[in-house]
Amino acid sequence: MTFPGRTAPHPADTFELRFSSTPRGARLARRLASHRVHEWGHRYGSEVNDTVSLVVGELAANAVTHGLVPGRDVLLRLSRAAGGRLRVEVGDTRGERLPAPPADPPGDAETGRGLLLVAALAEEWGVVPREGAPGKTVWASLRAASP
């Protein structure tokens, strides 16, 4: 997948990881995304690194909670583009279970705020069918000033 109006990113500008469709896999995806963004110059604890970690964590948690198909992995893809944009993509194999537009959950609800956080932190986000596989990809585009 590429950014609109742009050719495919250089491999050094893309990070892909397949992780197990489990809470442990989602935690690993978040940690490795933070590590990759750190390697791209956005240090641990920086606003960009913390934002990417949070967005990956929420999308990965949703994928393993709502997109679970036993025995099927989830795909995380991070890519960076000129102009200081980062794109987070999390794909699962449940194409029939699309995320609902974020709405305010009741005040005492313990879940239901993940996409509200993603919508608040991302420049834009959306859902597209997975390329070359069944399912969907939830993506978010983030502004990331040069490190």
C-alpha atoms as a PDB file:
ATOM      1  CA  MET A   1       0.000   0.000   0.000  1.00  0.00           C
ATOM      2  CA  THR A   2       1.304   3.480  -0.785  1.00  0.00           C
ATOM      3  CA  PHE A   3       0.423   6.978   0.248  1.00  0.00           C
ATOM      4  CA  PRO A   4      -1.843   8.760  -2.249  1.00  0.00           C
ATOM      5  CA  GLY A   5       0.186  10.216  -5.112  1.00  0.00           C
ATOM      6  CA  ARG A   6       3.379   8.412  -4.123  1.00  0.00           C
ATOM      7  CA  THR A   7       5.232   5.380  -5.397  1.00  0.00           C
ATOM      8  CA  ALA A   8       5.993   2.427  -3.159  1.00  0.00           C
ATOM      9  CA  PRO A   9       8.253   3.316  -0.203  1.00  0.00           C
ATOM     10  CA  HIS A  10      11.906   2.318  -0.076  1.00  0.00           C
ATOM     11  CA  PRO A  11      12.336  -0.864   2.022  1.00  0.00           C
ATOM     12  CA  ALA A  12      14.278   1.066   4.692  1.00  0.00           C
ATOM     13  CA  ASP A  13      11.195   3.268   5.058  1.00  0.00           C
ATOM     14  CA  THR A  14       8.889   0.319   5.753  1.00  0.00           C
ATOM     15  CA  PHE A  15       8.653  -2.090   8.667  1.00  0.00           C
ATOM     16  CA  GLU A  16       6.431  -5.170   8.561  1.00  0.00           C
ATOM     17  CA  LEU A  17       5.699  -7.677  11.258  1.00  0.00           C
ATOM     18  CA  ARG A  18       3.281 -10.572  11.482  1.00  0.00           C
ATOM     19  CA  PHE A  19       2.217 -11.199  15.045  1.00  0.00           C
ATOM     20  CA  SER A  20       0.018 -13.771  16.721  1.00  0.00           C
ATOM     21  CA  SER A  21      -3.610 -12.827  17.152  1.00  0.00           C
ATOM     22  CA  THR A  22      -3.255 -12.706  20.931  1.00  0.00           C
ATOM     23  CA  PRO A  23      -2.888  -9.965  23.547  1.00  0.00           C
ATOM     24  CA  ARG A  24       0.778 -10.952  23.849  1.00  0.00           C
ATOM     25  CA  GLY A  25       1.205 -10.517  20.089  1.00  0.00           C
ATOM     26  CA  ALA A  26      -0.413  -7.074  20.246  1.00  0.00           C
ATOM     27  CA  ARG A  27       1.952  -5.998  23.050  1.00  0.00           C
ATOM     28  CA  LEU A  28       4.922  -7.231  21.018  1.00  0.00           C
ATOM     29  CA  ALA A  29       3.727  -5.272  17.970  1.00  0.00           C
ATOM     30  CA  ARG A  30       3.506  -2.097  20.044  1.00  0.00           C
ATOM     31  CA  ARG A  31       6.986  -2.567  21.510  1.00  0.00           C
ATOM     32  CA  LEU A  32       8.610  -3.356  18.146  1.00  0.00           C
ATOM     33  CA  ALA A  33       6.861  -0.393  16.509  1.00  0.00           C
ATOM     34  CA  SER A  34       8.298   1.866  19.210  1.00  0.00           C
ATOM     35  CA  HIS A  35      11.740   0.355  18.600  1.00  0.00           C
ATOM     36  CA  ARG A  36      11.511   0.937  14.827  1.00  0.00           C
ATOM     37  CA  VAL A  37      10.359   4.535  15.243  1.00  0.00           C
ATOM     38  CA  HIS A  38      13.266   5.032  17.670  1.00  0.00           C
ATOM     39  CA  GLU A  39      15.635   3.720  14.979  1.00  0.00           C
ATOM     40  CA  TRP A  40      14.075   6.202  12.539  1.00  0.00           C
ATOM     41  CA  GLY A  41      15.202   8.996  14.875  1.00  0.00           C
ATOM     42  CA  HIS A  42      12.112   9.551  17.038  1.00  0.00           C
ATOM     43  CA  ARG A  43      13.555   8.629  20.413  1.00  0.00           C
ATOM     44  CA  TYR A  44      11.791   6.641  23.111  1.00  0.00           C
ATOM     45  CA  GLY A  45       9.626   8.992  25.168  1.00  0.00           C
ATOM     46  CA  SER A  46       9.295  11.546  22.362  1.00  0.00           C
ATOM     47  CA  GLU A  47       5.835  12.724  21.361  1.00  0.00           C
ATOM     48  CA  VAL A  48       6.071  10.957  17.984  1.00  0.00           C
ATOM     49  CA  ASN A  49       7.251   7.670  19.488  1.00  0.00           C
ATOM     50  CA  ASP A  50       4.589   7.741  22.201  1.00  0.00           C
ATOM     51  CA  THR A  51       1.865   8.571  19.652  1.00  0.00           C
ATOM     52  CA  VAL A  52       2.879   5.781  17.266  1.00  0.00           C
ATOM     53  CA  SER A  53       3.054   3.330  20.182  1.00  0.00           C
ATOM     54  CA  LEU A  54      -0.420   4.290  21.356  1.00  0.00           C
ATOM     55  CA  VAL A  55      -1.960   4.071  17.871  1.00  0.00           C
ATOM     56  CA  VAL A  56      -0.304   0.712  17.167  1.00  0.00           C
ATOM     57  CA  GLY A  57      -1.385  -0.553  20.578  1.00  0.00           C
ATOM     58  CA  GLU A  58      -5.022   0.416  20.016  1.00  0.00           C
ATOM     59  CA  LEU A  59      -5.230  -0.927  16.463  1.00  0.00           C
ATOM     60  CA  ALA A  60      -3.420  -4.144  17.395  1.00  0.00           C
ATOM     61  CA  ALA A  61      -5.672  -4.671  20.419  1.00  0.00           C
ATOM     62  CA  ASN A  62      -8.740  -4.174  18.229  1.00  0.00           C
ATOM     63  CA  ALA A  63      -7.391  -6.624  15.650  1.00  0.00           C
ATOM     64  CA  VAL A  64      -6.800  -9.383  18.190  1.00  0.00           C
ATOM     65  CA  THR A  65     -10.102  -8.703  19.969  1.00  0.00           C
ATOM     66  CA  HIS A  66     -12.499  -8.111  17.074  1.00  0.00           C
ATOM     67  CA  GLY A  67     -10.599  -9.562  14.105  1.00  0.00           C
ATOM     68  CA  LEU A  68      -9.556 -12.826  15.693  1.00  0.00           C
ATOM     69  CA  VAL A  69      -9.501 -15.894  13.495  1.00  0.00           C
ATOM     70  CA  PRO A  70      -7.763 -18.755  15.346  1.00  0.00           C
ATOM     71  CA  GLY A  71      -4.500 -19.714  13.690  1.00  0.00           C
ATOM     72  CA  ARG A  72      -4.295 -16.528  11.607  1.00  0.00           C
ATOM     73  CA  ASP A  73      -1.706 -13.856  12.237  1.00  0.00           C
ATOM     74  CA  VAL A  74      -2.194 -10.094  12.203  1.00  0.00           C
ATOM     75  CA  LEU A  75      -0.023  -7.838  10.018  1.00  0.00           C
ATOM     76  CA  LEU A  76       1.543  -4.600  11.236  1.00  0.00           C
ATOM     77  CA  ARG A  77       3.092  -2.271   8.671  1.00  0.00           C
ATOM     78  CA  LEU A  78       4.763   1.047   9.469  1.00  0.00           C
ATOM     79  CA  SER A  79       5.944   3.308   6.693  1.00  0.00           C
ATOM     80  CA  ARG A  80       7.389   6.768   6.540  1.00  0.00           C
ATOM     81  CA  ALA A  81       7.151   9.255   3.733  1.00  0.00           C
ATOM     82  CA  ALA A  82       8.671  12.573   2.773  1.00  0.00           C
ATOM     83  CA  GLY A  83       7.198  15.517   4.585  1.00  0.00           C
ATOM     84  CA  GLY A  84       7.294  13.860   7.963  1.00  0.00           C
ATOM     85  CA  ARG A  85       4.327  11.515   7.735  1.00  0.00           C
ATOM     86  CA  LEU A  86       4.105   8.071   9.255  1.00  0.00           C
ATOM     87  CA  ARG A  87       1.485   5.505   8.351  1.00  0.00           C
ATOM     88  CA  VAL A  88       0.402   2.716  10.662  1.00  0.00           C
ATOM     89  CA  GLU A  89      -1.497  -0.233   9.175  1.00  0.00           C
ATOM     90  CA  VAL A  90      -2.887  -3.222  11.044  1.00  0.00           C
ATOM     91  CA  GLY A  91      -4.513  -5.959   8.971  1.00  0.00           C
ATOM     92  CA  ASP A  92      -6.562  -8.919  10.137  1.00  0.00           C
ATOM     93  CA  THR A  93      -8.560 -11.612   8.327  1.00  0.00           C
ATOM     94  CA  ARG A  94     -12.061 -10.584   9.474  1.00  0.00           C
ATOM     95  CA  GLY A  95     -13.246  -8.433   6.576  1.00  0.00           C
ATOM     96  CA  GLU A  96     -16.886  -8.691   7.624  1.00  0.00           C
ATOM     97  CA  ARG A  97     -16.190  -7.032  11.011  1.00  0.00           C
ATOM     98  CA  LEU A  98     -15.497  -3.409  10.171  1.00  0.00           C
ATOM     99  CA  PRO A  99     -14.812  -0.911  12.947  1.00  0.00           C
ATOM    100  CA  ALA A 100     -17.706   1.376  13.749  1.00  0.00           C
ATOM    101  CA  PRO A 101     -17.146   5.130  13.655  1.00  0.00           C
ATOM    102  CA  PRO A 102     -15.922   6.211  17.073  1.00  0.00           C
ATOM    103  CA  ALA A 103     -18.648   7.263  19.483  1.00  0.00           C
ATOM    104  CA  ASP A 104     -18.455   8.309  23.105  1.00  0.00           C
ATOM    105  CA  PRO A 105     -18.920   5.228  25.278  1.00  0.00           C
ATOM    106  CA  PRO A 106     -20.817   5.542  28.553  1.00  0.00           C
ATOM    107  CA  GLY A 107     -18.689   7.125  31.275  1.00  0.00           C
ATOM    108  CA  ASP A 108     -18.402   3.890  33.236  1.00  0.00           C
ATOM    109  CA  ALA A 109     -17.491   1.703  30.214  1.00  0.00           C
ATOM    110  CA  GLU A 110     -14.134  -0.062  30.494  1.00  0.00           C
ATOM    111  CA  THR A 111     -13.708  -0.398  26.705  1.00  0.00           C
ATOM    112  CA  GLY A 112     -14.679   1.437  23.547  1.00  0.00           C
ATOM    113  CA  ARG A 113     -12.253   4.360  23.497  1.00  0.00           C
ATOM    114  CA  GLY A 114      -9.526   2.970  21.231  1.00  0.00           C
ATOM    115  CA  LEU A 115     -10.747   4.427  17.944  1.00  0.00           C
ATOM    116  CA  LEU A 116     -11.567   7.722  19.689  1.00  0.00           C
ATOM    117  CA  LEU A 117      -7.884   7.921  20.647  1.00  0.00           C
ATOM    118  CA  VAL A 118      -6.758   6.973  17.147  1.00  0.00           C
ATOM    119  CA  ALA A 119      -9.080   9.590  15.602  1.00  0.00           C
ATOM    120  CA  ALA A 120      -7.810  12.253  18.015  1.00  0.00           C
ATOM    121  CA  LEU A 121      -4.118  11.506  17.386  1.00  0.00           C
ATOM    122  CA  ALA A 122      -4.113  10.788  13.642  1.00  0.00           C
ATOM    123  CA  GLU A 123      -4.396  13.285  10.809  1.00  0.00           C
ATOM    124  CA  GLU A 124      -6.744  10.762   9.230  1.00  0.00           C
ATOM    125  CA  TRP A 125      -7.627   7.096   9.558  1.00  0.00           C
ATOM    126  CA  GLY A 126      -9.735   4.568   7.723  1.00  0.00           C
ATOM    127  CA  VAL A 127     -10.396   0.985   6.743  1.00  0.00           C
ATOM    128  CA  VAL A 128      -9.645  -0.712   3.409  1.00  0.00           C
ATOM    129  CA  PRO A 129      -9.807  -4.319   2.189  1.00  0.00           C
ATOM    130  CA  ARG A 130      -6.512  -6.166   2.651  1.00  0.00           C
ATOM    131  CA  GLU A 131      -4.387  -6.411  -0.464  1.00  0.00           C
ATOM    132  CA  GLY A 132      -3.887  -9.971  -1.667  1.00  0.00           C
ATOM    133  CA  ALA A 133      -5.586 -11.588   1.332  1.00  0.00           C
ATOM    134  CA  PRO A 134      -8.997 -11.817   2.924  1.00  0.00           C
ATOM    135  CA  GLY A 135      -9.818  -9.301   5.614  1.00  0.00           C
ATOM    136  CA  LYS A 136      -9.311  -5.622   6.262  1.00  0.00           C
ATOM    137  CA  THR A 137      -6.586  -3.148   7.100  1.00  0.00           C
ATOM    138  CA  VAL A 138      -7.194  -0.307   9.537  1.00  0.00           C
ATOM    139  CA  TRP A 139      -4.732   2.518   8.908  1.00  0.00           C
ATOM    140  CA  ALA A 140      -3.808   5.843  10.451  1.00  0.00           C
ATOM    141  CA  SER A 141      -1.667   8.627   9.050  1.00  0.00           C
ATOM    142  CA  LEU A 142       0.370  10.643  11.554  1.00  0.00           C
ATOM    143  CA  ARG A 143       2.371  13.846  11.270  1.00  0.00           C
ATOM    144  CA  ALA A 144       5.931  13.296  12.471  1.00  0.00           C
ATOM    145  CA  ALA A 145       8.285  16.238  12.235  1.00  0.00           C
ATOM    146  CA  SER A 146      11.816  15.326  11.202  1.00  0.00           C
ATOM    147  CA  PRO A 147      13.832  14.069  14.165  1.00  0.00           C
END
